[in-house]
Structure formats: structure tokens, C-alpha cells
Amino acid sequence: MTNSSFIVTDALKETTAITVMRCMLMSYARDNHILFEQALLDFAKSNTYEALFDLETEIWKEGPTYLKTLYEKELNNARSNTL
């Protein structure tokens, strides 16, 4: 087994974050019967979006299912606070 000294650049982190976001939004849009474009616009206004692109949080490493869970928790909390 070899140890790699591969450096993950910010550009690679951002590319991965975008890919994870796209996968998550395709699933979210399908599950909620909305257009991908609407899901993207709504997500871009969220705290979860901000956290994803704060690359130091490393949310981008966790994958689309984790990101979807975070986003849905945020939405549920927002709904609970408005009731």
C-alpha cells in the first residue's frame, strides 16, 4: 500500500461540492415534484448552500444523501418556526 501526497485544491473541492449539490438537487426535485431549476434557486438561498460552499466545513466530502438530509432539516426547522 502506498501513501499518496495528493493535495486537494480548492478548485477540486468546489467542483466536488457542485457535483454533490447537483446530485442532491436532482433527487430532491424528483421527490418533491418540482423542477430542478426551482430546487436550485430555493437551495441557493439556504444556509445549507452557504455551508456547502464554505469548503472548510468539508460537507462536500459527505455526499448527496447527507446534503439532502441537512437541507431538509433546515427546511423543517424553518417551517416549525413559522407555525
Protein backbone atom coordinates (compact mmCIF):
# COMPACT_ATOMS: atom_id res chain seq x y z
CA MET A 1 0.00 0.00 0.00
CA THR A 2 1.35 3.41 -0.87
CA ASN A 3 0.73 6.74 0.74
CA SER A 4 -0.30 9.41 -1.67
CA SER A 5 0.69 13.02 -1.22
CA PHE A 6 -2.25 14.13 -3.35
CA ILE A 7 -3.28 17.66 -2.50
CA VAL A 8 -6.96 18.52 -2.74
CA THR A 9 -7.08 22.02 -4.14
CA ASP A 10 -9.89 24.49 -3.53
CA ALA A 11 -10.86 24.13 -7.18
CA LEU A 12 -11.28 20.38 -6.75
CA LYS A 13 -13.25 20.88 -3.53
CA GLU A 14 -15.55 23.34 -5.30
CA THR A 15 -16.02 21.02 -8.27
CA THR A 16 -16.90 18.19 -5.90
CA ALA A 17 -19.32 20.44 -3.98
CA ILE A 18 -21.08 21.36 -7.23
CA THR A 19 -21.34 17.71 -8.26
CA VAL A 20 -22.72 16.70 -4.85
CA MET A 21 -25.19 19.60 -4.99
CA ARG A 22 -26.41 18.65 -8.47
CA CYS A 23 -26.95 15.03 -7.48
CA MET A 24 -28.79 16.05 -4.34
CA LEU A 25 -30.99 18.53 -6.17
CA MET A 26 -31.95 16.01 -8.85
CA SER A 27 -33.16 13.67 -6.11
CA TYR A 28 -34.82 16.47 -4.12
CA ALA A 29 -36.64 17.85 -7.18
CA ARG A 30 -37.86 14.39 -8.18
CA ASP A 31 -39.05 13.55 -4.65
CA ASN A 32 -40.87 16.87 -4.29
CA HIS A 33 -42.27 17.01 -7.83
CA ILE A 34 -40.65 20.32 -8.66
CA LEU A 35 -38.38 21.44 -11.46
CA PHE A 36 -34.64 21.12 -10.94
CA GLU A 37 -34.30 24.85 -11.66
CA GLN A 38 -36.72 25.73 -8.85
CA ALA A 39 -34.95 23.40 -6.45
CA LEU A 40 -31.65 25.04 -7.35
CA LEU A 41 -32.99 28.56 -6.84
CA ASP A 42 -34.50 27.65 -3.47
CA PHE A 43 -31.38 25.80 -2.33
CA ALA A 44 -29.13 28.72 -3.29
CA LYS A 45 -30.95 30.84 -0.67
CA SER A 46 -30.36 28.35 2.13
CA ASN A 47 -27.89 28.15 4.98
CA THR A 48 -27.08 24.64 3.79
CA TYR A 49 -25.87 26.06 0.47
CA GLU A 50 -23.65 28.52 2.34
CA ALA A 51 -22.25 25.73 4.50
CA LEU A 52 -21.57 23.52 1.46
CA PHE A 53 -19.53 26.22 -0.25
CA ASP A 54 -17.67 27.11 2.93
CA LEU A 55 -15.17 24.50 1.85
CA GLU A 56 -13.64 24.26 5.32
CA THR A 57 -16.82 22.54 6.62
CA GLU A 58 -15.99 19.65 4.29
CA ILE A 59 -19.67 18.91 3.72
CA TRP A 60 -18.68 18.32 0.11
CA LYS A 61 -17.00 15.08 1.27
CA GLU A 62 -20.17 13.56 2.67
CA GLY A 63 -22.20 13.08 -0.49
CA PRO A 64 -25.66 13.93 -1.79
CA THR A 65 -27.69 11.94 0.74
CA TYR A 66 -26.07 13.73 3.67
CA LEU A 67 -26.51 17.10 1.96
CA LYS A 68 -30.18 16.37 1.31
CA THR A 69 -30.69 15.44 4.96
CA LEU A 70 -29.09 18.72 6.09
CA TYR A 71 -31.22 20.74 3.70
CA GLU A 72 -34.45 19.00 4.67
CA LYS A 73 -33.66 19.55 8.37
CA GLU A 74 -33.15 23.24 7.64
CA LEU A 75 -36.47 23.42 5.78
CA ASN A 76 -38.30 21.56 8.55
CA ASN A 77 -36.84 23.87 11.20
CA ALA A 78 -37.88 26.91 9.19
CA ARG A 79 -41.43 25.55 8.84
CA SER A 80 -41.60 24.78 12.57
CA ASN A 81 -40.50 28.31 13.42
CA THR A 82 -43.20 29.87 11.25
CA LEU A 83 -46.09 27.89 12.75
